[in-house]
Protein backbone atom coordinates (compact mmCIF):
# COMPACT_ATOMS: atom_id res chain seq x y z
CA UNK A 1 0.00 0.00 0.00
CA UNK A 2 0.88 3.68 0.16
CA UNK A 3 2.45 3.38 3.62
CA UNK A 4 4.82 0.65 2.42
CA UNK A 5 5.82 2.63 -0.68
CA UNK A 6 6.52 5.87 1.21
CA UNK A 7 8.31 4.34 4.19
CA UNK A 8 10.48 2.12 1.98
CA UNK A 9 11.63 5.22 0.12
CA UNK A 10 12.27 7.13 3.35
CA UNK A 11 13.66 4.21 5.35
CA UNK A 12 17.28 5.36 5.41
CA UNK A 13 16.20 8.74 6.78
CA UNK A 14 13.67 7.54 9.33
CA UNK A 15 15.00 4.28 10.79
CA UNK A 16 17.58 4.49 13.60
CA UNK A 17 18.22 8.04 12.48
CA UNK A 18 19.98 9.31 15.61
CA UNK A 19 23.14 8.42 17.51
CA UNK A 20 21.02 8.00 20.63
CA UNK A 21 18.93 5.29 18.96
CA UNK A 22 22.07 3.49 17.85
CA UNK A 23 23.50 3.72 21.37
CA UNK A 24 20.36 2.23 22.93
CA UNK A 25 20.27 -0.57 20.35
CA UNK A 26 23.88 -1.48 21.11
CA UNK A 27 23.34 -1.40 24.88
CA UNK A 28 20.34 -3.73 24.65
CA UNK A 29 22.15 -6.10 22.29
CA UNK A 30 25.20 -6.18 24.57
CA UNK A 31 23.10 -6.91 27.64
CA UNK A 32 21.22 -9.73 25.92
CA UNK A 33 24.52 -11.13 24.65
CA UNK A 34 25.81 -11.32 28.21
CA UNK A 35 22.58 -12.81 29.56
CA UNK A 36 22.61 -15.49 26.86
CA UNK A 37 25.63 -17.10 28.50
CA UNK A 38 23.81 -18.08 31.69
CA UNK A 39 20.10 -17.22 31.66
CA UNK A 40 17.81 -20.26 31.56
CA UNK A 41 14.01 -20.62 31.33
CA UNK A 42 13.83 -21.57 35.01
CA UNK A 43 15.25 -18.18 35.95
CA UNK A 44 12.03 -16.70 34.55
CA UNK A 45 9.93 -19.37 36.28
CA UNK A 46 8.85 -20.89 32.97
CA UNK A 47 7.53 -24.43 33.62
CA UNK A 48 8.95 -27.52 31.85
CA UNK A 49 5.70 -28.01 29.89
CA UNK A 50 6.59 -24.91 27.87
CA UNK A 51 10.13 -26.01 26.97
CA UNK A 52 9.39 -26.76 23.32
CA UNK A 53 12.50 -26.17 21.21
CA UNK A 54 10.85 -26.41 17.73
CA UNK A 55 8.24 -23.81 18.69
CA UNK A 56 10.87 -21.61 20.30
CA UNK A 57 13.04 -21.69 17.18
CA UNK A 58 10.06 -20.82 14.98
CA UNK A 59 9.16 -17.86 17.19
CA UNK A 60 12.80 -16.69 17.19
CA UNK A 61 12.94 -16.78 13.40
CA UNK A 62 9.77 -14.70 13.12
CA UNK A 63 11.18 -12.11 15.51
CA UNK A 64 14.50 -11.94 13.65
CA UNK A 65 12.71 -11.32 10.35
CA UNK A 66 11.54 -7.95 11.66
CA UNK A 67 14.86 -6.28 10.87
CA UNK A 68 14.72 -7.38 7.22
CA UNK A 69 11.61 -5.34 6.40
CA UNK A 70 11.31 -1.61 5.81
CA UNK A 71 7.57 -1.01 6.13
CA UNK A 72 5.98 -0.61 9.59
CA UNK A 73 3.15 -2.99 8.70
CA UNK A 74 5.60 -5.75 7.74
CA UNK A 75 7.51 -5.34 10.99
CA UNK A 76 4.25 -5.56 12.94
CA UNK A 77 3.37 -8.77 11.10
CA UNK A 78 6.66 -10.32 12.24
CA UNK A 79 5.78 -9.48 15.84
CA UNK A 80 2.29 -10.91 15.43
CA UNK A 81 3.58 -14.12 13.85
CA UNK A 82 6.04 -14.57 16.70
CA UNK A 83 3.33 -14.04 19.32
CA UNK A 84 0.93 -16.41 17.56
CA UNK A 85 3.52 -19.16 17.78
CA UNK A 86 3.85 -18.41 21.49
CA UNK A 87 0.08 -18.45 21.99
CA UNK A 88 -0.21 -21.81 20.22
CA UNK A 89 2.52 -23.18 22.46
CA UNK A 90 0.72 -21.94 25.57
CA UNK A 91 -2.60 -23.38 24.38
CA UNK A 92 -1.11 -26.76 23.48
CA UNK A 93 0.68 -26.99 26.82
CA UNK A 94 -2.49 -26.07 28.70
CA UNK A 95 -4.62 -28.66 26.91
CA UNK A 96 -2.01 -31.41 26.71
CA UNK A 97 -3.36 -34.80 27.64
CA UNK A 98 -0.08 -35.50 29.37
CA UNK A 99 -0.81 -32.90 32.03
CA UNK A 100 -3.56 -33.57 34.62
CA UNK A 101 -6.51 -31.21 34.25
CA UNK A 102 -6.31 -29.95 37.80
CA UNK A 103 -2.55 -29.49 37.95
CA UNK A 104 -1.20 -26.13 39.12
CA UNK A 105 0.99 -26.03 36.02
CA UNK A 106 -2.07 -25.95 33.76
CA UNK A 107 -3.53 -22.99 35.63
CA UNK A 108 -0.16 -21.29 35.44
CA UNK A 109 -0.01 -21.88 31.68
CA UNK A 110 -3.50 -20.53 31.06
CA UNK A 111 -2.67 -17.38 32.99
CA UNK A 112 0.78 -17.00 31.46
CA UNK A 113 1.26 -13.62 29.81
CA UNK A 114 2.64 -13.50 26.26
CA UNK A 115 4.65 -10.47 27.32
CA UNK A 116 6.66 -12.47 29.84
CA UNK A 117 7.21 -15.42 27.53
CA UNK A 118 8.53 -13.07 24.83
CA UNK A 119 11.55 -12.49 27.05
CA UNK A 120 12.87 -15.95 26.29
CA UNK A 121 12.87 -15.22 22.57
CA UNK A 122 14.62 -11.91 23.17
CA UNK A 123 17.37 -13.67 25.07
CA UNK A 124 17.77 -16.46 22.53
CA UNK A 125 17.28 -14.49 19.31
CA UNK A 126 18.75 -11.12 20.35
CA UNK A 127 16.97 -9.33 17.47
CA UNK A 128 19.17 -6.55 16.05
CA UNK A 129 18.12 -2.91 16.45
CA UNK A 130 15.24 -3.84 18.72
CA UNK A 131 14.76 -0.32 20.10
CA UNK A 132 14.88 1.27 16.65
CA UNK A 133 12.38 -1.21 15.22
CA UNK A 134 9.88 -0.57 17.99
CA UNK A 135 10.34 3.19 17.76
CA UNK A 136 9.92 3.04 13.97
CA UNK A 137 6.63 1.17 14.31
CA UNK A 138 5.34 3.55 16.97
CA UNK A 139 6.17 6.63 14.90
CA UNK A 140 5.18 5.51 11.42
CA UNK A 141 2.55 2.78 11.63
CA UNK A 142 -0.89 4.33 11.20
CA UNK A 143 -2.47 4.45 14.65
CA UNK A 144 -5.82 3.50 13.16
CA UNK A 145 -4.22 0.21 12.08
CA UNK A 146 -2.24 -0.45 15.26
CA UNK A 147 -5.26 -1.71 17.17
CA UNK A 148 -6.73 -4.88 18.62
CA UNK A 149 -4.42 -7.90 18.26
CA UNK A 150 -1.62 -5.88 16.64
CA UNK A 151 -1.66 -3.30 19.44
CA UNK A 152 -1.71 -5.97 22.12
CA UNK A 153 1.29 -7.85 20.74
CA UNK A 154 3.22 -4.67 20.02
CA UNK A 155 2.64 -3.47 23.60
CA UNK A 156 3.83 -6.84 24.90
CA UNK A 157 7.06 -6.54 22.96
CA UNK A 158 7.65 -2.98 24.17
CA UNK A 159 7.11 -4.15 27.76
CA UNK A 160 9.49 -7.07 27.27
CA UNK A 161 12.16 -4.68 25.96
CA UNK A 162 11.72 -2.43 28.99
CA UNK A 163 12.07 -5.44 31.27
CA UNK A 164 15.39 -6.33 29.64
CA UNK A 165 16.71 -2.78 29.96
CA UNK A 166 15.95 -2.72 33.70
CA UNK A 167 16.72 -6.38 34.38
CA UNK A 168 18.78 -7.24 37.45
CA UNK A 169 19.01 -10.07 39.98
CA UNK A 170 15.76 -9.01 41.65
CA UNK A 171 13.96 -9.48 38.33
CA UNK A 172 14.96 -13.15 38.21
CA UNK A 173 14.83 -16.20 40.40
CA UNK A 174 18.54 -15.79 41.09
CA UNK A 175 20.78 -14.75 43.95
CA UNK A 176 22.13 -11.22 43.50
CA UNK A 177 25.77 -12.20 44.06
CA UNK A 178 25.43 -15.10 41.62
CA UNK A 179 23.88 -12.78 39.04
CA UNK A 180 26.76 -10.31 39.25
CA UNK A 181 29.32 -13.12 39.07
CA UNK A 182 27.64 -14.48 35.95
CA UNK A 183 27.56 -11.05 34.31
CA UNK A 184 31.24 -10.44 35.04
CA UNK A 185 32.18 -13.89 33.76
CA UNK A 186 30.15 -13.26 30.60
CA UNK A 187 31.96 -9.97 30.01
CA UNK A 188 35.32 -11.72 30.28
CA UNK A 189 34.23 -14.59 28.06
CA UNK A 190 32.77 -12.41 25.33
CA UNK A 191 35.28 -9.61 25.85
CA UNK A 192 32.42 -7.15 25.93
CA UNK A 193 33.21 -3.78 27.50
CA UNK A 194 31.62 -0.38 27.40
CA UNK A 195 34.06 0.59 24.63
CA UNK A 196 33.74 -2.48 22.42
CA UNK A 197 31.09 -5.09 21.67
CA UNK A 198 32.70 -6.59 18.57
CA UNK A 199 32.55 -10.20 19.75
CA UNK A 200 28.87 -9.99 20.61
CA UNK A 201 28.01 -8.24 17.37
CA UNK A 202 30.01 -10.74 15.30
CA UNK A 203 28.28 -13.69 16.94
CA UNK A 204 24.89 -12.09 16.35
CA UNK A 205 25.64 -11.28 12.70
CA UNK A 206 26.58 -14.91 12.09
CA UNK A 207 23.35 -16.06 13.72
CA UNK A 208 21.24 -13.61 11.71
CA UNK A 209 22.76 -14.89 8.46
CA UNK A 210 21.31 -18.32 9.22
CA UNK A 211 17.74 -17.00 9.41
C-alpha atoms as a PDB file:
ATOM      1  CA  UNK A   1       0.000   0.000   0.000  1.00  0.00           C
ATOM      2  CA  UNK A   2       0.876   3.682   0.164  1.00  0.00           C
ATOM      3  CA  UNK A   3       2.448   3.379   3.623  1.00  0.00           C
ATOM      4  CA  UNK A   4       4.822   0.652   2.421  1.00  0.00           C
ATOM      5  CA  UNK A   5       5.824   2.631  -0.682  1.00  0.00           C
ATOM      6  CA  UNK A   6       6.517   5.870   1.206  1.00  0.00           C
ATOM      7  CA  UNK A   7       8.313   4.341   4.186  1.00  0.00           C
ATOM      8  CA  UNK A   8      10.475   2.116   1.984  1.00  0.00           C
ATOM      9  CA  UNK A   9      11.627   5.223   0.117  1.00  0.00           C
ATOM     10  CA  UNK A  10      12.270   7.128   3.351  1.00  0.00           C
ATOM     11  CA  UNK A  11      13.656   4.215   5.354  1.00  0.00           C
ATOM     12  CA  UNK A  12      17.284   5.356   5.409  1.00  0.00           C
ATOM     13  CA  UNK A  13      16.203   8.739   6.783  1.00  0.00           C
ATOM     14  CA  UNK A  14      13.670   7.542   9.331  1.00  0.00           C
ATOM     15  CA  UNK A  15      15.003   4.280  10.787  1.00  0.00           C
ATOM     16  CA  UNK A  16      17.579   4.486  13.599  1.00  0.00           C
ATOM     17  CA  UNK A  17      18.220   8.038  12.483  1.00  0.00           C
ATOM     18  CA  UNK A  18      19.984   9.309  15.610  1.00  0.00           C
ATOM     19  CA  UNK A  19      23.144   8.424  17.509  1.00  0.00           C
ATOM     20  CA  UNK A  20      21.021   8.004  20.632  1.00  0.00           C
ATOM     21  CA  UNK A  21      18.927   5.291  18.958  1.00  0.00           C
ATOM     22  CA  UNK A  22      22.069   3.488  17.852  1.00  0.00           C
ATOM     23  CA  UNK A  23      23.495   3.724  21.371  1.00  0.00           C
ATOM     24  CA  UNK A  24      20.362   2.230  22.933  1.00  0.00           C
ATOM     25  CA  UNK A  25      20.272  -0.566  20.346  1.00  0.00           C
ATOM     26  CA  UNK A  26      23.883  -1.481  21.111  1.00  0.00           C
ATOM     27  CA  UNK A  27      23.342  -1.400  24.876  1.00  0.00           C
ATOM     28  CA  UNK A  28      20.338  -3.726  24.645  1.00  0.00           C
ATOM     29  CA  UNK A  29      22.149  -6.098  22.292  1.00  0.00           C
ATOM     30  CA  UNK A  30      25.201  -6.183  24.569  1.00  0.00           C
ATOM     31  CA  UNK A  31      23.102  -6.914  27.639  1.00  0.00           C
ATOM     32  CA  UNK A  32      21.224  -9.730  25.923  1.00  0.00           C
ATOM     33  CA  UNK A  33      24.517 -11.130  24.647  1.00  0.00           C
ATOM     34  CA  UNK A  34      25.806 -11.320  28.211  1.00  0.00           C
ATOM     35  CA  UNK A  35      22.584 -12.811  29.559  1.00  0.00           C
ATOM     36  CA  UNK A  36      22.609 -15.491  26.862  1.00  0.00           C
ATOM     37  CA  UNK A  37      25.633 -17.100  28.498  1.00  0.00           C
ATOM     38  CA  UNK A  38      23.815 -18.084  31.692  1.00  0.00           C
ATOM     39  CA  UNK A  39      20.104 -17.220  31.662  1.00  0.00           C
ATOM     40  CA  UNK A  40      17.812 -20.258  31.563  1.00  0.00           C
ATOM     41  CA  UNK A  41      14.007 -20.620  31.330  1.00  0.00           C
ATOM     42  CA  UNK A  42      13.827 -21.571  35.006  1.00  0.00           C
ATOM     43  CA  UNK A  43      15.248 -18.175  35.950  1.00  0.00           C
ATOM     44  CA  UNK A  44      12.028 -16.704  34.547  1.00  0.00           C
ATOM     45  CA  UNK A  45       9.928 -19.371  36.282  1.00  0.00           C
ATOM     46  CA  UNK A  46       8.848 -20.890  32.967  1.00  0.00           C
ATOM     47  CA  UNK A  47       7.531 -24.432  33.616  1.00  0.00           C
ATOM     48  CA  UNK A  48       8.951 -27.523  31.847  1.00  0.00           C
ATOM     49  CA  UNK A  49       5.702 -28.015  29.895  1.00  0.00           C
ATOM     50  CA  UNK A  50       6.590 -24.910  27.869  1.00  0.00           C
ATOM     51  CA  UNK A  51      10.126 -26.010  26.969  1.00  0.00           C
ATOM     52  CA  UNK A  52       9.386 -26.762  23.320  1.00  0.00           C
ATOM     53  CA  UNK A  53      12.501 -26.172  21.207  1.00  0.00           C
ATOM     54  CA  UNK A  54      10.845 -26.408  17.732  1.00  0.00           C
ATOM     55  CA  UNK A  55       8.241 -23.805  18.688  1.00  0.00           C
ATOM     56  CA  UNK A  56      10.870 -21.612  20.302  1.00  0.00           C
ATOM     57  CA  UNK A  57      13.039 -21.690  17.177  1.00  0.00           C
ATOM     58  CA  UNK A  58      10.063 -20.825  14.982  1.00  0.00           C
ATOM     59  CA  UNK A  59       9.161 -17.859  17.194  1.00  0.00           C
ATOM     60  CA  UNK A  60      12.795 -16.695  17.189  1.00  0.00           C
ATOM     61  CA  UNK A  61      12.936 -16.779  13.395  1.00  0.00           C
ATOM     62  CA  UNK A  62       9.775 -14.701  13.116  1.00  0.00           C
ATOM     63  CA  UNK A  63      11.184 -12.110  15.513  1.00  0.00           C
ATOM     64  CA  UNK A  64      14.496 -11.944  13.653  1.00  0.00           C
ATOM     65  CA  UNK A  65      12.707 -11.323  10.345  1.00  0.00           C
ATOM     66  CA  UNK A  66      11.539  -7.948  11.655  1.00  0.00           C
ATOM     67  CA  UNK A  67      14.861  -6.284  10.868  1.00  0.00           C
ATOM     68  CA  UNK A  68      14.718  -7.380   7.223  1.00  0.00           C
ATOM     69  CA  UNK A  69      11.610  -5.342   6.397  1.00  0.00           C
ATOM     70  CA  UNK A  70      11.308  -1.607   5.811  1.00  0.00           C
ATOM     71  CA  UNK A  71       7.575  -1.008   6.132  1.00  0.00           C
ATOM     72  CA  UNK A  72       5.979  -0.608   9.592  1.00  0.00           C
ATOM     73  CA  UNK A  73       3.154  -2.994   8.704  1.00  0.00           C
ATOM     74  CA  UNK A  74       5.600  -5.748   7.741  1.00  0.00           C
ATOM     75  CA  UNK A  75       7.512  -5.336  10.993  1.00  0.00           C
ATOM     76  CA  UNK A  76       4.250  -5.556  12.944  1.00  0.00           C
ATOM     77  CA  UNK A  77       3.371  -8.766  11.102  1.00  0.00           C
ATOM     78  CA  UNK A  78       6.664 -10.317  12.238  1.00  0.00           C
ATOM     79  CA  UNK A  79       5.779  -9.482  15.842  1.00  0.00           C
ATOM     80  CA  UNK A  80       2.288 -10.913  15.432  1.00  0.00           C
ATOM     81  CA  UNK A  81       3.578 -14.124  13.847  1.00  0.00           C
ATOM     82  CA  UNK A  82       6.043 -14.573  16.704  1.00  0.00           C
ATOM     83  CA  UNK A  83       3.335 -14.041  19.317  1.00  0.00           C
ATOM     84  CA  UNK A  84       0.930 -16.405  17.558  1.00  0.00           C
ATOM     85  CA  UNK A  85       3.521 -19.157  17.783  1.00  0.00           C
ATOM     86  CA  UNK A  86       3.851 -18.411  21.495  1.00  0.00           C
ATOM     87  CA  UNK A  87       0.082 -18.450  21.988  1.00  0.00           C
ATOM     88  CA  UNK A  88      -0.207 -21.807  20.223  1.00  0.00           C
ATOM     89  CA  UNK A  89       2.524 -23.184  22.456  1.00  0.00           C
ATOM     90  CA  UNK A  90       0.717 -21.943  25.567  1.00  0.00           C
ATOM     91  CA  UNK A  91      -2.596 -23.381  24.382  1.00  0.00           C
ATOM     92  CA  UNK A  92      -1.107 -26.757  23.477  1.00  0.00           C
ATOM     93  CA  UNK A  93       0.676 -26.992  26.815  1.00  0.00           C
ATOM     94  CA  UNK A  94      -2.492 -26.074  28.700  1.00  0.00           C
ATOM     95  CA  UNK A  95      -4.624 -28.664  26.907  1.00  0.00           C
ATOM     96  CA  UNK A  96      -2.008 -31.410  26.711  1.00  0.00           C
ATOM     97  CA  UNK A  97      -3.365 -34.801  27.637  1.00  0.00           C
ATOM     98  CA  UNK A  98      -0.080 -35.503  29.368  1.00  0.00           C
ATOM     99  CA  UNK A  99      -0.811 -32.895  32.030  1.00  0.00           C
ATOM    100  CA  UNK A 100      -3.555 -33.571  34.625  1.00  0.00           C
ATOM    101  CA  UNK A 101      -6.512 -31.207  34.250  1.00  0.00           C
ATOM    102  CA  UNK A 102      -6.307 -29.949  37.800  1.00  0.00           C
ATOM    103  CA  UNK A 103      -2.550 -29.486  37.950  1.00  0.00           C
ATOM    104  CA  UNK A 104      -1.196 -26.133  39.122  1.00  0.00           C
ATOM    105  CA  UNK A 105       0.993 -26.028  36.024  1.00  0.00           C
ATOM    106  CA  UNK A 106      -2.065 -25.947  33.762  1.00  0.00           C
ATOM    107  CA  UNK A 107      -3.535 -22.992  35.634  1.00  0.00           C
ATOM    108  CA  UNK A 108      -0.157 -21.287  35.439  1.00  0.00           C
ATOM    109  CA  UNK A 109      -0.010 -21.879  31.680  1.00  0.00           C
ATOM    110  CA  UNK A 110      -3.505 -20.533  31.058  1.00  0.00           C
ATOM    111  CA  UNK A 111      -2.671 -17.377  32.990  1.00  0.00           C
ATOM    112  CA  UNK A 112       0.785 -17.003  31.457  1.00  0.00           C
ATOM    113  CA  UNK A 113       1.264 -13.622  29.806  1.00  0.00           C
ATOM    114  CA  UNK A 114       2.640 -13.501  26.256  1.00  0.00           C
ATOM    115  CA  UNK A 115       4.648 -10.471  27.319  1.00  0.00           C
ATOM    116  CA  UNK A 116       6.660 -12.470  29.844  1.00  0.00           C
ATOM    117  CA  UNK A 117       7.213 -15.420  27.532  1.00  0.00           C
ATOM    118  CA  UNK A 118       8.531 -13.072  24.830  1.00  0.00           C
ATOM    119  CA  UNK A 119      11.548 -12.485  27.053  1.00  0.00           C
ATOM    120  CA  UNK A 120      12.871 -15.954  26.286  1.00  0.00           C
ATOM    121  CA  UNK A 121      12.871 -15.216  22.570  1.00  0.00           C
ATOM    122  CA  UNK A 122      14.617 -11.909  23.173  1.00  0.00           C
ATOM    123  CA  UNK A 123      17.365 -13.667  25.072  1.00  0.00           C
ATOM    124  CA  UNK A 124      17.766 -16.462  22.533  1.00  0.00           C
ATOM    125  CA  UNK A 125      17.284 -14.490  19.307  1.00  0.00           C
ATOM    126  CA  UNK A 126      18.746 -11.118  20.351  1.00  0.00           C
ATOM    127  CA  UNK A 127      16.966  -9.331  17.475  1.00  0.00           C
ATOM    128  CA  UNK A 128      19.167  -6.547  16.053  1.00  0.00           C
ATOM    129  CA  UNK A 129      18.124  -2.910  16.452  1.00  0.00           C
ATOM    130  CA  UNK A 130      15.236  -3.838  18.722  1.00  0.00           C
ATOM    131  CA  UNK A 131      14.764  -0.324  20.105  1.00  0.00           C
ATOM    132  CA  UNK A 132      14.878   1.267  16.650  1.00  0.00           C
ATOM    133  CA  UNK A 133      12.383  -1.214  15.221  1.00  0.00           C
ATOM    134  CA  UNK A 134       9.876  -0.573  17.995  1.00  0.00           C
ATOM    135  CA  UNK A 135      10.342   3.189  17.757  1.00  0.00           C
ATOM    136  CA  UNK A 136       9.916   3.040  13.974  1.00  0.00           C
ATOM    137  CA  UNK A 137       6.628   1.165  14.314  1.00  0.00           C
ATOM    138  CA  UNK A 138       5.342   3.548  16.975  1.00  0.00           C
ATOM    139  CA  UNK A 139       6.169   6.629  14.901  1.00  0.00           C
ATOM    140  CA  UNK A 140       5.185   5.509  11.419  1.00  0.00           C
ATOM    141  CA  UNK A 141       2.551   2.785  11.629  1.00  0.00           C
ATOM    142  CA  UNK A 142      -0.889   4.334  11.196  1.00  0.00           C
ATOM    143  CA  UNK A 143      -2.465   4.455  14.647  1.00  0.00           C
ATOM    144  CA  UNK A 144      -5.817   3.500  13.158  1.00  0.00           C
ATOM    145  CA  UNK A 145      -4.222   0.212  12.084  1.00  0.00           C
ATOM    146  CA  UNK A 146      -2.238  -0.453  15.262  1.00  0.00           C
ATOM    147  CA  UNK A 147      -5.265  -1.710  17.167  1.00  0.00           C
ATOM    148  CA  UNK A 148      -6.735  -4.883  18.621  1.00  0.00           C
ATOM    149  CA  UNK A 149      -4.418  -7.898  18.255  1.00  0.00           C
ATOM    150  CA  UNK A 150      -1.622  -5.876  16.643  1.00  0.00           C
ATOM    151  CA  UNK A 151      -1.661  -3.295  19.436  1.00  0.00           C
ATOM    152  CA  UNK A 152      -1.709  -5.973  22.124  1.00  0.00           C
ATOM    153  CA  UNK A 153       1.285  -7.853  20.745  1.00  0.00           C
ATOM    154  CA  UNK A 154       3.219  -4.670  20.025  1.00  0.00           C
ATOM    155  CA  UNK A 155       2.641  -3.471  23.595  1.00  0.00           C
ATOM    156  CA  UNK A 156       3.832  -6.839  24.905  1.00  0.00           C
ATOM    157  CA  UNK A 157       7.060  -6.537  22.957  1.00  0.00           C
ATOM    158  CA  UNK A 158       7.653  -2.978  24.173  1.00  0.00           C
ATOM    159  CA  UNK A 159       7.110  -4.151  27.758  1.00  0.00           C
ATOM    160  CA  UNK A 160       9.494  -7.067  27.272  1.00  0.00           C
ATOM    161  CA  UNK A 161      12.155  -4.681  25.959  1.00  0.00           C
ATOM    162  CA  UNK A 162      11.717  -2.432  28.988  1.00  0.00           C
ATOM    163  CA  UNK A 163      12.067  -5.439  31.274  1.00  0.00           C
ATOM    164  CA  UNK A 164      15.385  -6.327  29.643  1.00  0.00           C
ATOM    165  CA  UNK A 165      16.710  -2.780  29.965  1.00  0.00           C
ATOM    166  CA  UNK A 166      15.947  -2.715  33.705  1.00  0.00           C
ATOM    167  CA  UNK A 167      16.724  -6.378  34.384  1.00  0.00           C
ATOM    168  CA  UNK A 168      18.781  -7.244  37.451  1.00  0.00           C
ATOM    169  CA  UNK A 169      19.008 -10.072  39.981  1.00  0.00           C
ATOM    170  CA  UNK A 170      15.759  -9.010  41.647  1.00  0.00           C
ATOM    171  CA  UNK A 171      13.965  -9.481  38.326  1.00  0.00           C
ATOM    172  CA  UNK A 172      14.959 -13.149  38.209  1.00  0.00           C
ATOM    173  CA  UNK A 173      14.827 -16.204  40.398  1.00  0.00           C
ATOM    174  CA  UNK A 174      18.535 -15.785  41.090  1.00  0.00           C
ATOM    175  CA  UNK A 175      20.785 -14.752  43.950  1.00  0.00           C
ATOM    176  CA  UNK A 176      22.134 -11.218  43.500  1.00  0.00           C
ATOM    177  CA  UNK A 177      25.772 -12.203  44.057  1.00  0.00           C
ATOM    178  CA  UNK A 178      25.425 -15.100  41.624  1.00  0.00           C
ATOM    179  CA  UNK A 179      23.882 -12.781  39.042  1.00  0.00           C
ATOM    180  CA  UNK A 180      26.760 -10.308  39.253  1.00  0.00           C
ATOM    181  CA  UNK A 181      29.319 -13.118  39.074  1.00  0.00           C
ATOM    182  CA  UNK A 182      27.639 -14.478  35.945  1.00  0.00           C
ATOM    183  CA  UNK A 183      27.555 -11.047  34.315  1.00  0.00           C
ATOM    184  CA  UNK A 184      31.237 -10.439  35.042  1.00  0.00           C
ATOM    185  CA  UNK A 185      32.175 -13.889  33.756  1.00  0.00           C
ATOM    186  CA  UNK A 186      30.152 -13.261  30.597  1.00  0.00           C
ATOM    187  CA  UNK A 187      31.961  -9.970  30.005  1.00  0.00           C
ATOM    188  CA  UNK A 188      35.315 -11.718  30.275  1.00  0.00           C
ATOM    189  CA  UNK A 189      34.226 -14.594  28.056  1.00  0.00           C
ATOM    190  CA  UNK A 190      32.768 -12.406  25.335  1.00  0.00           C
ATOM    191  CA  UNK A 191      35.282  -9.606  25.851  1.00  0.00           C
ATOM    192  CA  UNK A 192      32.416  -7.148  25.932  1.00  0.00           C
ATOM    193  CA  UNK A 193      33.210  -3.781  27.498  1.00  0.00           C
ATOM    194  CA  UNK A 194      31.621  -0.378  27.400  1.00  0.00           C
ATOM    195  CA  UNK A 195      34.059   0.586  24.627  1.00  0.00           C
ATOM    196  CA  UNK A 196      33.741  -2.483  22.420  1.00  0.00           C
ATOM    197  CA  UNK A 197      31.094  -5.092  21.667  1.00  0.00           C
ATOM    198  CA  UNK A 198      32.697  -6.586  18.573  1.00  0.00           C
ATOM    199  CA  UNK A 199      32.548 -10.202  19.750  1.00  0.00           C
ATOM    200  CA  UNK A 200      28.865  -9.988  20.613  1.00  0.00           C
ATOM    201  CA  UNK A 201      28.009  -8.240  17.369  1.00  0.00           C
ATOM    202  CA  UNK A 202      30.015 -10.736  15.304  1.00  0.00           C
ATOM    203  CA  UNK A 203      28.277 -13.688  16.937  1.00  0.00           C
ATOM    204  CA  UNK A 204      24.892 -12.087  16.350  1.00  0.00           C
ATOM    205  CA  UNK A 205      25.644 -11.284  12.701  1.00  0.00           C
ATOM    206  CA  UNK A 206      26.584 -14.914  12.094  1.00  0.00           C
ATOM    207  CA  UNK A 207      23.352 -16.056  13.720  1.00  0.00           C
ATOM    208  CA  UNK A 208      21.237 -13.608  11.711  1.00  0.00           C
ATOM    209  CA  UNK A 209      22.761 -14.892   8.460  1.00  0.00           C
ATOM    210  CA  UNK A 210      21.312 -18.316   9.221  1.00  0.00           C
ATOM    211  CA  UNK A 211      17.739 -17.002   9.410  1.00  0.00           C
END
